[in-house]
Amino acid sequence: MALHQRMFSGNKINIVRKNHPLFLGYLNEQLCAYASAQLSQKEGRLLYLGVDEKYRQQGIATALMAQVWNFLHDSCQDKITLVQSDKAQAAGKLYKKLGFKTIRRLLSAQLIVN
């Protein structure tokens, strides 16, 4: 999916099935947003949420998150978790507005040895 590659370069959505649903958002028949989730026995997990830059600040991510939440809640999931990059400040504001709370901060590091 080209939209996903623009937002999360190098990461692929490999699995789409009942316990790994993919949600698509369209505006005027144009794909403008998507979300990927995962169901487990204990919780639902938001894997990816992306909105094309030219469609941001229009409530699309909030509407898409409502669909994800409804699906996970209807699947008997009372808890949704996600991982957010510190670089994604706008996403963090959205998640906070939707009621998500930070439970821990993760450090990711890489060492390239030539």
PDB file of N, CA and C in Angstrom:
ATOM      1  N   MET A   1       0.852  -1.171   0.000  1.00  0.00           N
ATOM      2  CA  MET A   1       0.000   0.000   0.000  1.00  0.00           C
ATOM      3  C   MET A   1       0.896   1.231   0.000  1.00  0.00           C
ATOM      4  N   ALA A   2       0.759   2.038  -1.029  1.00  0.00           N
ATOM      5  CA  ALA A   2       1.640   3.201  -1.201  1.00  0.00           C
ATOM      6  C   ALA A   2       1.520   4.196  -0.052  1.00  0.00           C
ATOM      7  N   LEU A   3       0.312   4.415   0.438  1.00  0.00           N
ATOM      8  CA  LEU A   3       0.124   5.352   1.550  1.00  0.00           C
ATOM      9  C   LEU A   3       0.897   4.885   2.777  1.00  0.00           C
ATOM     10  N   HIS A   4       0.845   3.604   3.069  1.00  0.00           N
ATOM     11  CA  HIS A   4       1.578   3.065   4.219  1.00  0.00           C
ATOM     12  C   HIS A   4       3.084   3.226   4.023  1.00  0.00           C
ATOM     13  N   GLN A   5       3.574   2.966   2.833  1.00  0.00           N
ATOM     14  CA  GLN A   5       5.009   3.081   2.576  1.00  0.00           C
ATOM     15  C   GLN A   5       5.502   4.518   2.730  1.00  0.00           C
ATOM     16  N   ARG A   6       4.673   5.491   2.374  1.00  0.00           N
ATOM     17  CA  ARG A   6       5.058   6.896   2.563  1.00  0.00           C
ATOM     18  C   ARG A   6       5.141   7.252   4.039  1.00  0.00           C
ATOM     19  N   MET A   7       4.295   6.648   4.846  1.00  0.00           N
ATOM     20  CA  MET A   7       4.231   7.016   6.258  1.00  0.00           C
ATOM     21  C   MET A   7       5.189   6.199   7.123  1.00  0.00           C
ATOM     22  N   PHE A   8       5.327   4.922   6.797  1.00  0.00           N
ATOM     23  CA  PHE A   8       6.155   4.016   7.589  1.00  0.00           C
ATOM     24  C   PHE A   8       7.103   3.280   6.657  1.00  0.00           C
ATOM     25  N   SER A   9       8.026   3.996   6.088  1.00  0.00           N
ATOM     26  CA  SER A   9       8.962   3.441   5.118  1.00  0.00           C
ATOM     27  C   SER A   9       9.668   2.213   5.680  1.00  0.00           C
ATOM     28  N   GLY A  10       9.701   1.159   4.894  1.00  0.00           N
ATOM     29  CA  GLY A  10      10.400  -0.054   5.299  1.00  0.00           C
ATOM     30  C   GLY A  10       9.542  -1.044   6.058  1.00  0.00           C
ATOM     31  N   ASN A  11       8.367  -0.646   6.514  1.00  0.00           N
ATOM     32  CA  ASN A  11       7.458  -1.553   7.213  1.00  0.00           C
ATOM     33  C   ASN A  11       6.326  -1.942   6.278  1.00  0.00           C
ATOM     34  N   LYS A  12       5.927  -3.197   6.335  1.00  0.00           N
ATOM     35  CA  LYS A  12       4.855  -3.684   5.476  1.00  0.00           C
ATOM     36  C   LYS A  12       3.703  -4.195   6.323  1.00  0.00           C
ATOM     37  N   ILE A  13       2.511  -4.076   5.779  1.00  0.00           N
ATOM     38  CA  ILE A  13       1.351  -4.733   6.365  1.00  0.00           C
ATOM     39  C   ILE A  13       1.237  -6.065   5.646  1.00  0.00           C
ATOM     40  N   ASN A  14       1.696  -7.125   6.297  1.00  0.00           N
ATOM     41  CA  ASN A  14       1.755  -8.435   5.664  1.00  0.00           C
ATOM     42  C   ASN A  14       0.502  -9.270   5.871  1.00  0.00           C
ATOM     43  N   ILE A  15      -0.217  -9.003   6.947  1.00  0.00           N
ATOM     44  CA  ILE A  15      -1.327  -9.870   7.309  1.00  0.00           C
ATOM     45  C   ILE A  15      -2.616  -9.057   7.359  1.00  0.00           C
ATOM     46  N   VAL A  16      -3.617  -9.514   6.630  1.00  0.00           N
ATOM     47  CA  VAL A  16      -4.956  -8.951   6.738  1.00  0.00           C
ATOM     48  C   VAL A  16      -5.901 -10.143   6.826  1.00  0.00           C
ATOM     49  N   ARG A  17      -6.490 -10.308   7.994  1.00  0.00           N
ATOM     50  CA  ARG A  17      -7.477 -11.365   8.201  1.00  0.00           C
ATOM     51  C   ARG A  17      -8.332 -10.987   9.406  1.00  0.00           C
ATOM     52  N   LYS A  18      -9.174 -11.898   9.849  1.00  0.00           N
ATOM     53  CA  LYS A  18     -10.142 -11.573  10.899  1.00  0.00           C
ATOM     54  C   LYS A  18      -9.490 -10.995  12.151  1.00  0.00           C
ATOM     55  N   ASN A  19      -8.363 -11.548  12.576  1.00  0.00           N
ATOM     56  CA  ASN A  19      -7.722 -11.039  13.795  1.00  0.00           C
ATOM     57  C   ASN A  19      -6.663  -9.970  13.500  1.00  0.00           C
ATOM     58  N   HIS A  20      -6.500  -9.607  12.246  1.00  0.00           N
ATOM     59  CA  HIS A  20      -5.606  -8.520  11.815  1.00  0.00           C
ATOM     60  C   HIS A  20      -6.353  -7.664  10.790  1.00  0.00           C
ATOM     61  N   PRO A  21      -7.399  -6.942  11.212  1.00  0.00           N
ATOM     62  CA  PRO A  21      -8.189  -6.185  10.235  1.00  0.00           C
ATOM     63  C   PRO A  21      -7.468  -4.932   9.734  1.00  0.00           C
ATOM     64  N   LEU A  22      -7.810  -4.556   8.524  1.00  0.00           N
ATOM     65  CA  LEU A  22      -7.307  -3.333   7.912  1.00  0.00           C
ATOM     66  C   LEU A  22      -8.508  -2.429   7.651  1.00  0.00           C
ATOM     67  N   PHE A  23      -8.445  -1.200   8.140  1.00  0.00           N
ATOM     68  CA  PHE A  23      -9.514  -0.227   7.985  1.00  0.00           C
ATOM     69  C   PHE A  23      -9.053   0.837   6.996  1.00  0.00           C
ATOM     70  N   LEU A  24      -9.903   1.179   6.040  1.00  0.00           N
ATOM     71  CA  LEU A  24      -9.552   2.166   5.021  1.00  0.00           C
ATOM     72  C   LEU A  24     -10.497   3.355   5.112  1.00  0.00           C
ATOM     73  N   GLY A  25      -9.940   4.548   4.976  1.00  0.00           N
ATOM     74  CA  GLY A  25     -10.733   5.768   4.995  1.00  0.00           C
ATOM     75  C   GLY A  25     -10.687   6.436   3.634  1.00  0.00           C
ATOM     76  N   TYR A  26     -11.853   6.754   3.099  1.00  0.00           N
ATOM     77  CA  TYR A  26     -11.957   7.404   1.795  1.00  0.00           C
ATOM     78  C   TYR A  26     -12.655   8.742   1.943  1.00  0.00           C
ATOM     79  N   LEU A  27     -12.237   9.693   1.158  1.00  0.00           N
ATOM     80  CA  LEU A  27     -12.905  10.982   1.058  1.00  0.00           C
ATOM     81  C   LEU A  27     -13.021  11.298  -0.424  1.00  0.00           C
ATOM     82  N   ASN A  28     -14.248  11.500  -0.900  1.00  0.00           N
ATOM     83  CA  ASN A  28     -14.495  11.734  -2.331  1.00  0.00           C
ATOM     84  C   ASN A  28     -13.873  10.634  -3.186  1.00  0.00           C
ATOM     85  N   GLU A  29     -14.062   9.397  -2.760  1.00  0.00           N
ATOM     86  CA  GLU A  29     -13.582   8.202  -3.459  1.00  0.00           C
ATOM     87  C   GLU A  29     -12.060   8.103  -3.529  1.00  0.00           C
ATOM     88  N   GLN A  30     -11.366   8.887  -2.739  1.00  0.00           N
ATOM     89  CA  GLN A  30      -9.897   8.868  -2.701  1.00  0.00           C
ATOM     90  C   GLN A  30      -9.447   8.251  -1.378  1.00  0.00           C
ATOM     91  N   LEU A  31      -8.595   7.224  -1.454  1.00  0.00           N
ATOM     92  CA  LEU A  31      -8.042   6.639  -0.236  1.00  0.00           C
ATOM     93  C   LEU A  31      -7.195   7.695   0.457  1.00  0.00           C
ATOM     94  N   CYS A  32      -7.533   8.015   1.682  1.00  0.00           N
ATOM     95  CA  CYS A  32      -6.814   9.078   2.379  1.00  0.00           C
ATOM     96  C   CYS A  32      -6.312   8.656   3.753  1.00  0.00           C
ATOM     97  N   ALA A  33      -6.745   7.487   4.238  1.00  0.00           N
ATOM     98  CA  ALA A  33      -6.330   7.067   5.576  1.00  0.00           C
ATOM     99  C   ALA A  33      -6.498   5.563   5.719  1.00  0.00           C
ATOM    100  N   TYR A  34      -5.796   5.010   6.691  1.00  0.00           N
ATOM    101  CA  TYR A  34      -5.928   3.587   6.972  1.00  0.00           C
ATOM    102  C   TYR A  34      -5.513   3.337   8.415  1.00  0.00           C
ATOM    103  N   ALA A  35      -5.950   2.212   8.921  1.00  0.00           N
ATOM    104  CA  ALA A  35      -5.525   1.755  10.242  1.00  0.00           C
ATOM    105  C   ALA A  35      -5.422   0.243  10.183  1.00  0.00           C
ATOM    106  N   SER A  36      -4.470  -0.289  10.909  1.00  0.00           N
ATOM    107  CA  SER A  36      -4.274  -1.726  11.012  1.00  0.00           C
ATOM    108  C   SER A  36      -4.321  -2.081  12.490  1.00  0.00           C
ATOM    109  N   ALA A  37      -5.034  -3.152  12.808  1.00  0.00           N
ATOM    110  CA  ALA A  37      -5.186  -3.551  14.207  1.00  0.00           C
ATOM    111  C   ALA A  37      -4.901  -5.042  14.347  1.00  0.00           C
ATOM    112  N   GLN A  38      -4.825  -5.473  15.586  1.00  0.00           N
ATOM    113  CA  GLN A  38      -4.576  -6.882  15.882  1.00  0.00           C
ATOM    114  C   GLN A  38      -5.410  -7.269  17.097  1.00  0.00           C
ATOM    115  N   LEU A  39      -6.072  -8.404  16.997  1.00  0.00           N
ATOM    116  CA  LEU A  39      -6.826  -8.948  18.120  1.00  0.00           C
ATOM    117  C   LEU A  39      -6.021 -10.054  18.777  1.00  0.00           C
ATOM    118  N   SER A  40      -5.972 -10.042  20.091  1.00  0.00           N
ATOM    119  CA  SER A  40      -5.407 -11.167  20.829  1.00  0.00           C
ATOM    120  C   SER A  40      -6.429 -11.551  21.888  1.00  0.00           C
ATOM    121  N   GLN A  41      -6.133 -12.569  22.681  1.00  0.00           N
ATOM    122  CA  GLN A  41      -7.078 -12.994  23.708  1.00  0.00           C
ATOM    123  C   GLN A  41      -7.229 -11.956  24.808  1.00  0.00           C
ATOM    124  N   LYS A  42      -6.197 -11.157  25.045  1.00  0.00           N
ATOM    125  CA  LYS A  42      -6.213 -10.220  26.162  1.00  0.00           C
ATOM    126  C   LYS A  42      -6.554  -8.792  25.775  1.00  0.00           C
ATOM    127  N   GLU A  43      -6.221  -8.391  24.533  1.00  0.00           N
ATOM    128  CA  GLU A  43      -6.388  -6.984  24.181  1.00  0.00           C
ATOM    129  C   GLU A  43      -6.429  -6.796  22.680  1.00  0.00           C
ATOM    130  N   GLY A  44      -6.849  -5.606  22.287  1.00  0.00           N
ATOM    131  CA  GLY A  44      -6.746  -5.178  20.908  1.00  0.00           C
ATOM    132  C   GLY A  44      -5.543  -4.260  20.798  1.00  0.00           C
ATOM    133  N   ARG A  45      -4.933  -4.265  19.651  1.00  0.00           N
ATOM    134  CA  ARG A  45      -3.738  -3.442  19.488  1.00  0.00           C
ATOM    135  C   ARG A  45      -3.822  -2.670  18.181  1.00  0.00           C
ATOM    136  N   LEU A  46      -3.593  -1.362  18.269  1.00  0.00           N
ATOM    137  CA  LEU A  46      -3.496  -0.540  17.071  1.00  0.00           C
ATOM    138  C   LEU A  46      -2.067  -0.657  16.570  1.00  0.00           C
ATOM    139  N   LEU A  47      -1.903  -1.194  15.375  1.00  0.00           N
ATOM    140  CA  LEU A  47      -0.564  -1.371  14.818  1.00  0.00           C
ATOM    141  C   LEU A  47      -0.122  -0.141  14.039  1.00  0.00           C
ATOM    142  N   TYR A  48      -1.005   0.371  13.197  1.00  0.00           N
ATOM    143  CA  TYR A  48      -0.688   1.539  12.378  1.00  0.00           C
ATOM    144  C   TYR A  48      -1.931   2.404  12.221  1.00  0.00           C
ATOM    145  N   LEU A  49      -1.719   3.687  12.149  1.00  0.00           N
ATOM    146  CA  LEU A  49      -2.764   4.646  11.801  1.00  0.00           C
ATOM    147  C   LEU A  49      -2.083   5.701  10.950  1.00  0.00           C
ATOM    148  N   GLY A  50      -2.599   5.925   9.769  1.00  0.00           N
ATOM    149  CA  GLY A  50      -1.984   6.913   8.891  1.00  0.00           C
ATOM    150  C   GLY A  50      -3.031   7.697   8.121  1.00  0.00           C
ATOM    151  N   VAL A  51      -2.784   8.987   7.987  1.00  0.00           N
ATOM    152  CA  VAL A  51      -3.640   9.864   7.187  1.00  0.00           C
ATOM    153  C   VAL A  51      -2.730  10.627   6.230  1.00  0.00           C
ATOM    154  N   ASP A  52      -3.072  10.612   4.954  1.00  0.00           N
ATOM    155  CA  ASP A  52      -2.312  11.357   3.952  1.00  0.00           C
ATOM    156  C   ASP A  52      -2.224  12.822   4.381  1.00  0.00           C
ATOM    157  N   GLU A  53      -1.058  13.426   4.202  1.00  0.00           N
ATOM    158  CA  GLU A  53      -0.814  14.798   4.672  1.00  0.00           C
ATOM    159  C   GLU A  53      -1.872  15.796   4.213  1.00  0.00           C
ATOM    160  N   LYS A  54      -2.316  15.688   2.979  1.00  0.00           N
ATOM    161  CA  LYS A  54      -3.265  16.692   2.474  1.00  0.00           C
ATOM    162  C   LYS A  54      -4.677  16.525   3.040  1.00  0.00           C
ATOM    163  N   TYR A  55      -4.916  15.457   3.802  1.00  0.00           N
ATOM    164  CA  TYR A  55      -6.233  15.230   4.398  1.00  0.00           C
ATOM    165  C   TYR A  55      -6.227  15.357   5.920  1.00  0.00           C
ATOM    166  N   ARG A  56      -5.135  15.793   6.488  1.00  0.00           N
ATOM    167  CA  ARG A  56      -5.046  15.902   7.944  1.00  0.00           C
ATOM    168  C   ARG A  56      -5.837  17.099   8.462  1.00  0.00           C
ATOM    169  N   GLN A  57      -6.091  17.084   9.762  1.00  0.00           N
ATOM    170  CA  GLN A  57      -6.828  18.156  10.451  1.00  0.00           C
ATOM    171  C   GLN A  57      -8.275  18.270   9.965  1.00  0.00           C
ATOM    172  N   GLN A  58      -8.849  17.147   9.524  1.00  0.00           N
ATOM    173  CA  GLN A  58     -10.238  17.136   9.072  1.00  0.00           C
ATOM    174  C   GLN A  58     -11.083  16.139   9.858  1.00  0.00           C
ATOM    175  N   GLY A  59     -10.520  15.562  10.921  1.00  0.00           N
ATOM    176  CA  GLY A  59     -11.263  14.606  11.740  1.00  0.00           C
ATOM    177  C   GLY A  59     -11.255  13.186  11.210  1.00  0.00           C
ATOM    178  N   ILE A  60     -10.476  12.933  10.169  1.00  0.00           N
ATOM    179  CA  ILE A  60     -10.466  11.611   9.548  1.00  0.00           C
ATOM    180  C   ILE A  60      -9.848  10.569  10.476  1.00  0.00           C
ATOM    181  N   ALA A  61      -8.739  10.893  11.115  1.00  0.00           N
ATOM    182  CA  ALA A  61      -8.101   9.941  12.037  1.00  0.00           C
ATOM    183  C   ALA A  61      -9.025   9.627  13.208  1.00  0.00           C
ATOM    184  N   THR A  62      -9.713  10.622  13.720  1.00  0.00           N
ATOM    185  CA  THR A  62     -10.646  10.405  14.828  1.00  0.00           C
ATOM    186  C   THR A  62     -11.779   9.478  14.399  1.00  0.00           C
ATOM    187  N   ALA A  63     -12.324   9.702  13.207  1.00  0.00           N
ATOM    188  CA  ALA A  63     -13.401   8.853  12.697  1.00  0.00           C
ATOM    189  C   ALA A  63     -12.919   7.423  12.470  1.00  0.00           C
ATOM    190  N   LEU A  64     -11.717   7.282  11.937  1.00  0.00           N
ATOM    191  CA  LEU A  64     -11.164   5.951  11.701  1.00  0.00           C
ATOM    192  C   LEU A  64     -10.901   5.231  13.017  1.00  0.00           C
ATOM    193  N   MET A  65     -10.386   5.957  14.007  1.00  0.00           N
ATOM    194  CA  MET A  65     -10.160   5.360  15.329  1.00  0.00           C
ATOM    195  C   MET A  65     -11.477   4.910  15.957  1.00  0.00           C
ATOM    196  N   ALA A  66     -12.560   5.628  15.701  1.00  0.00           N
ATOM    197  CA  ALA A  66     -13.870   5.209  16.212  1.00  0.00           C
ATOM    198  C   ALA A  66     -14.268   3.867  15.609  1.00  0.00           C
ATOM    199  N   GLN A  67     -13.982   3.676  14.326  1.00  0.00           N
ATOM    200  CA  GLN A  67     -14.280   2.399  13.680  1.00  0.00           C
ATOM    201  C   GLN A  67     -13.431   1.271  14.262  1.00  0.00           C
ATOM    202  N   VAL A  68     -12.153   1.554  14.475  1.00  0.00           N
ATOM    203  CA  VAL A  68     -11.257   0.553  15.077  1.00  0.00           C
ATOM    204  C   VAL A  68     -11.764   0.196  16.471  1.00  0.00           C
ATOM    205  N   TRP A  69     -12.063   1.230  17.277  1.00  0.00           N
ATOM    206  CA  TRP A  69     -12.547   0.991  18.636  1.00  0.00           C
ATOM    207  C   TRP A  69     -13.831   0.150  18.615  1.00  0.00           C
ATOM    208  N   ASN A  70     -14.791   0.495  17.750  1.00  0.00           N
ATOM    209  CA  ASN A  70     -16.042  -0.264  17.673  1.00  0.00           C
ATOM    210  C   ASN A  70     -15.790  -1.715  17.309  1.00  0.00           C
ATOM    211  N   PHE A  71     -14.917  -1.943  16.341  1.00  0.00           N
ATOM    212  CA  PHE A  71     -14.599  -3.315  15.947  1.00  0.00           C
ATOM    213  C   PHE A  71     -13.981  -4.084  17.106  1.00  0.00           C
ATOM    214  N   LEU A  72     -12.987  -3.494  17.754  1.00  0.00           N
ATOM    215  CA  LEU A  72     -12.315  -4.190  18.853  1.00  0.00           C
ATOM    216  C   LEU A  72     -13.261  -4.400  20.033  1.00  0.00           C
ATOM    217  N   HIS A  73     -14.068  -3.406  20.349  1.00  0.00           N
ATOM    218  CA  HIS A  73     -15.023  -3.532  21.451  1.00  0.00           C
ATOM    219  C   HIS A  73     -16.063  -4.611  21.141  1.00  0.00           C
ATOM    220  N   ASP A  74     -16.564  -4.631  19.897  1.00  0.00           N
ATOM    221  CA  ASP A  74     -17.528  -5.662  19.495  1.00  0.00           C
ATOM    222  C   ASP A  74     -16.907  -7.052  19.515  1.00  0.00           C
ATOM    223  N   SER A  75     -15.586  -7.113  19.436  1.00  0.00           N
ATOM    224  CA  SER A  75     -14.863  -8.392  19.496  1.00  0.00           C
ATOM    225  C   SER A  75     -14.465  -8.727  20.931  1.00  0.00           C
ATOM    226  N   CYS A  76     -15.119  -8.073  21.893  1.00  0.00           N
ATOM    227  CA  CYS A  76     -14.902  -8.321  23.329  1.00  0.00           C
ATOM    228  C   CYS A  76     -13.524  -7.886  23.811  1.00  0.00           C
ATOM    229  N   GLN A  77     -12.961  -6.881  23.201  1.00  0.00           N
ATOM    230  CA  GLN A  77     -11.695  -6.334  23.669  1.00  0.00           C
ATOM    231  C   GLN A  77     -11.986  -5.065  24.460  1.00  0.00           C
ATOM    232  N   ASP A  78     -11.615  -5.055  25.722  1.00  0.00           N
ATOM    233  CA  ASP A  78     -11.861  -3.890  26.570  1.00  0.00           C
ATOM    234  C   ASP A  78     -10.627  -3.023  26.730  1.00  0.00           C
ATOM    235  N   LYS A  79      -9.524  -3.446  26.135  1.00  0.00           N
ATOM    236  CA  LYS A  79      -8.285  -2.682  26.253  1.00  0.00           C
ATOM    237  C   LYS A  79      -7.638  -2.599  24.879  1.00  0.00           C
ATOM    238  N   ILE A  80      -7.211  -1.391  24.511  1.00  0.00           N
ATOM    239  CA  ILE A  80      -6.484  -1.187  23.255  1.00  0.00           C
ATOM    240  C   ILE A  80      -5.127  -0.601  23.603  1.00  0.00           C
ATOM    241  N   THR A  81      -4.084  -1.187  23.057  1.00  0.00           N
ATOM    242  CA  THR A  81      -2.736  -0.663  23.257  1.00  0.00           C
ATOM    243  C   THR A  81      -2.175  -0.213  21.913  1.00  0.00           C
ATOM    244  N   LEU A  82      -1.151   0.622  21.990  1.00  0.00           N
ATOM    245  CA  LEU A  82      -0.461   1.073  20.788  1.00  0.00           C
ATOM    246  C   LEU A  82       0.937   1.513  21.176  1.00  0.00           C
ATOM    247  N   VAL A  83       1.791   1.622  20.194  1.00  0.00           N
ATOM    248  CA  VAL A  83       3.137   2.163  20.374  1.00  0.00           C
ATOM    249  C   VAL A  83       3.232   3.377  19.468  1.00  0.00           C
ATOM    250  N   GLN A  84       3.708   4.486  20.022  1.00  0.00           N
ATOM    251  CA  GLN A  84       3.803   5.730  19.262  1.00  0.00           C
ATOM    252  C   GLN A  84       5.220   6.274  19.342  1.00  0.00           C
ATOM    253  N   SER A  85       5.745   6.695  18.219  1.00  0.00           N
ATOM    254  CA  SER A  85       7.060   7.324  18.170  1.00  0.00           C
ATOM    255  C   SER A  85       6.991   8.706  18.803  1.00  0.00           C
ATOM    256  N   ASP A  86       8.049   9.106  19.501  1.00  0.00           N
ATOM    257  CA  ASP A  86       8.115  10.464  20.051  1.00  0.00           C
ATOM    258  C   ASP A  86       8.076  11.518  18.949  1.00  0.00           C
ATOM    259  N   LYS A  87       8.483  11.137  17.728  1.00  0.00           N
ATOM    260  CA  LYS A  87       8.462  12.071  16.601  1.00  0.00           C
ATOM    261  C   LYS A  87       7.039  12.387  16.150  1.00  0.00           C
ATOM    262  N   ALA A  88       6.114  11.499  16.440  1.00  0.00           N
ATOM    263  CA  ALA A  88       4.734  11.646  15.976  1.00  0.00           C
ATOM    264  C   ALA A  88       3.912  12.441  16.988  1.00  0.00           C
ATOM    265  N   GLN A  89       4.255  13.714  17.130  1.00  0.00           N
ATOM    266  CA  GLN A  89       3.598  14.559  18.128  1.00  0.00           C
ATOM    267  C   GLN A  89       2.099  14.729  17.854  1.00  0.00           C
ATOM    268  N   ALA A  90       1.720  14.892  16.599  1.00  0.00           N
ATOM    269  CA  ALA A  90       0.297  15.059  16.271  1.00  0.00           C
ATOM    270  C   ALA A  90      -0.485  13.802  16.637  1.00  0.00           C
ATOM    271  N   ALA A  91       0.098  12.640  16.360  1.00  0.00           N
ATOM    272  CA  ALA A  91      -0.562  11.387  16.725  1.00  0.00           C
ATOM    273  C   ALA A  91      -0.717  11.291  18.236  1.00  0.00           C
ATOM    274  N   GLY A  92       0.321  11.693  18.960  1.00  0.00           N
ATOM    275  CA  GLY A  92       0.256  11.666  20.419  1.00  0.00           C
ATOM    276  C   GLY A  92      -0.869  12.526  20.956  1.00  0.00           C
ATOM    277  N   LYS A  93      -1.072  13.698  20.359  1.00  0.00           N
ATOM    278  CA  LYS A  93      -2.169  14.579  20.779  1.00  0.00           C
ATOM    279  C   LYS A  93      -3.519  13.924  20.511  1.00  0.00           C
ATOM    280  N   LEU A  94      -3.639  13.274  19.354  1.00  0.00           N
ATOM    281  CA  LEU A  94      -4.885  12.584  19.024  1.00  0.00           C
ATOM    282  C   LEU A  94      -5.154  11.469  20.025  1.00  0.00           C
ATOM    283  N   TYR A  95      -4.148  10.642  20.280  1.00  0.00           N
ATOM    284  CA  TYR A  95      -4.349   9.518  21.195  1.00  0.00           C
ATOM    285  C   TYR A  95      -4.723  10.010  22.588  1.00  0.00           C
ATOM    286  N   LYS A  96      -4.090  11.077  23.034  1.00  0.00           N
ATOM    287  CA  LYS A  96      -4.413  11.645  24.346  1.00  0.00           C
ATOM    288  C   LYS A  96      -5.854  12.155  24.364  1.00  0.00           C
ATOM    289  N   LYS A  97      -6.254  12.836  23.287  1.00  0.00           N
ATOM    290  CA  LYS A  97      -7.628  13.345  23.175  1.00  0.00           C
ATOM    291  C   LYS A  97      -8.639  12.200  23.221  1.00  0.00           C
ATOM    292  N   LEU A  98      -8.261  11.058  22.668  1.00  0.00           N
ATOM    293  CA  LEU A  98      -9.152   9.902  22.639  1.00  0.00           C
ATOM    294  C   LEU A  98      -9.134   9.105  23.940  1.00  0.00           C
ATOM    295  N   GLY A  99      -8.296   9.518  24.892  1.00  0.00           N
ATOM    296  CA  GLY A  99      -8.295   8.868  26.205  1.00  0.00           C
ATOM    297  C   GLY A  99      -7.150   7.911  26.470  1.00  0.00           C
ATOM    298  N   PHE A 100      -6.227   7.756  25.513  1.00  0.00           N
ATOM    299  CA  PHE A 100      -5.075   6.886  25.748  1.00  0.00           C
ATOM    300  C   PHE A 100      -4.156   7.523  26.781  1.00  0.00           C
ATOM    301  N   LYS A 101      -3.558   6.682  27.605  1.00  0.00           N
ATOM    302  CA  LYS A 101      -2.623   7.157  28.624  1.00  0.00           C
ATOM    303  C   LYS A 101      -1.273   6.476  28.424  1.00  0.00           C
ATOM    304  N   THR A 102      -0.203   7.223  28.637  1.00  0.00           N
ATOM    305  CA  THR A 102       1.144   6.666  28.530  1.00  0.00           C
ATOM    306  C   THR A 102       1.374   5.718  29.698  1.00  0.00           C
ATOM    307  N   ILE A 103       1.778   4.486  29.386  1.00  0.00           N
ATOM    308  CA  ILE A 103       2.083   3.540  30.462  1.00  0.00           C
ATOM    309  C   ILE A 103       3.585   3.340  30.620  1.00  0.00           C
ATOM    310  N   ARG A 104       4.329   3.567  29.554  1.00  0.00           N
ATOM    311  CA  ARG A 104       5.793   3.537  29.655  1.00  0.00           C
ATOM    312  C   ARG A 104       6.377   4.116  28.374  1.00  0.00           C
ATOM    313  N   ARG A 105       7.609   4.580  28.483  1.00  0.00           N
ATOM    314  CA  ARG A 105       8.343   5.095  27.324  1.00  0.00           C
ATOM    315  C   ARG A 105       9.427   4.085  26.977  1.00  0.00           C
ATOM    316  N   LEU A 106       9.589   3.859  25.693  1.00  0.00           N
ATOM    317  CA  LEU A 106      10.567   2.888  25.217  1.00  0.00           C
ATOM    318  C   LEU A 106      11.731   3.603  24.556  1.00  0.00           C
ATOM    319  N   LEU A 107      12.899   3.025  24.685  1.00  0.00           N
ATOM    320  CA  LEU A 107      14.088   3.534  24.018  1.00  0.00           C
ATOM    321  C   LEU A 107      14.457   2.554  22.917  1.00  0.00           C
ATOM    322  N   SER A 108      14.649   3.070  21.747  1.00  0.00           N
ATOM    323  CA  SER A 108      15.076   2.253  20.629  1.00  0.00           C
ATOM    324  C   SER A 108      16.429   2.775  20.175  1.00  0.00           C
ATOM    325  N   ALA A 109      17.364   1.885  19.962  1.00  0.00           N
ATOM    326  CA  ALA A 109      18.708   2.305  19.568  1.00  0.00           C
ATOM    327  C   ALA A 109      19.223   1.400  18.454  1.00  0.00           C
ATOM    328  N   GLN A 110      20.171   1.932  17.707  1.00  0.00           N
ATOM    329  CA  GLN A 110      20.777   1.173  16.624  1.00  0.00           C
ATOM    330  C   GLN A 110      22.255   1.505  16.573  1.00  0.00           C
ATOM    331  N   LEU A 111      23.065   0.498  16.375  1.00  0.00           N
ATOM    332  CA  LEU A 111      24.500   0.675  16.198  1.00  0.00           C
ATOM    333  C   LEU A 111      24.863   0.057  14.860  1.00  0.00           C
ATOM    334  N   ILE A 112      25.416   0.857  13.979  1.00  0.00           N
ATOM    335  CA  ILE A 112      25.838   0.363  12.670  1.00  0.00           C
ATOM    336  C   ILE A 112      27.346   0.176  12.719  1.00  0.00           C
ATOM    337  N   VAL A 113      27.773  -1.041  12.480  1.00  0.00           N
ATOM    338  CA  VAL A 113      29.196  -1.370  12.520  1.00  0.00           C
ATOM    339  C   VAL A 113      29.631  -1.711  11.102  1.00  0.00           C
ATOM    340  N   ASN A 114      30.578  -0.947  10.594  1.00  0.00           N
ATOM    341  CA  ASN A 114      31.078  -1.195   9.230  1.00  0.00           C
ATOM    342  C   ASN A 114      32.341  -2.001   9.265  1.00  0.00           C
TER     343      ASN A 114
END
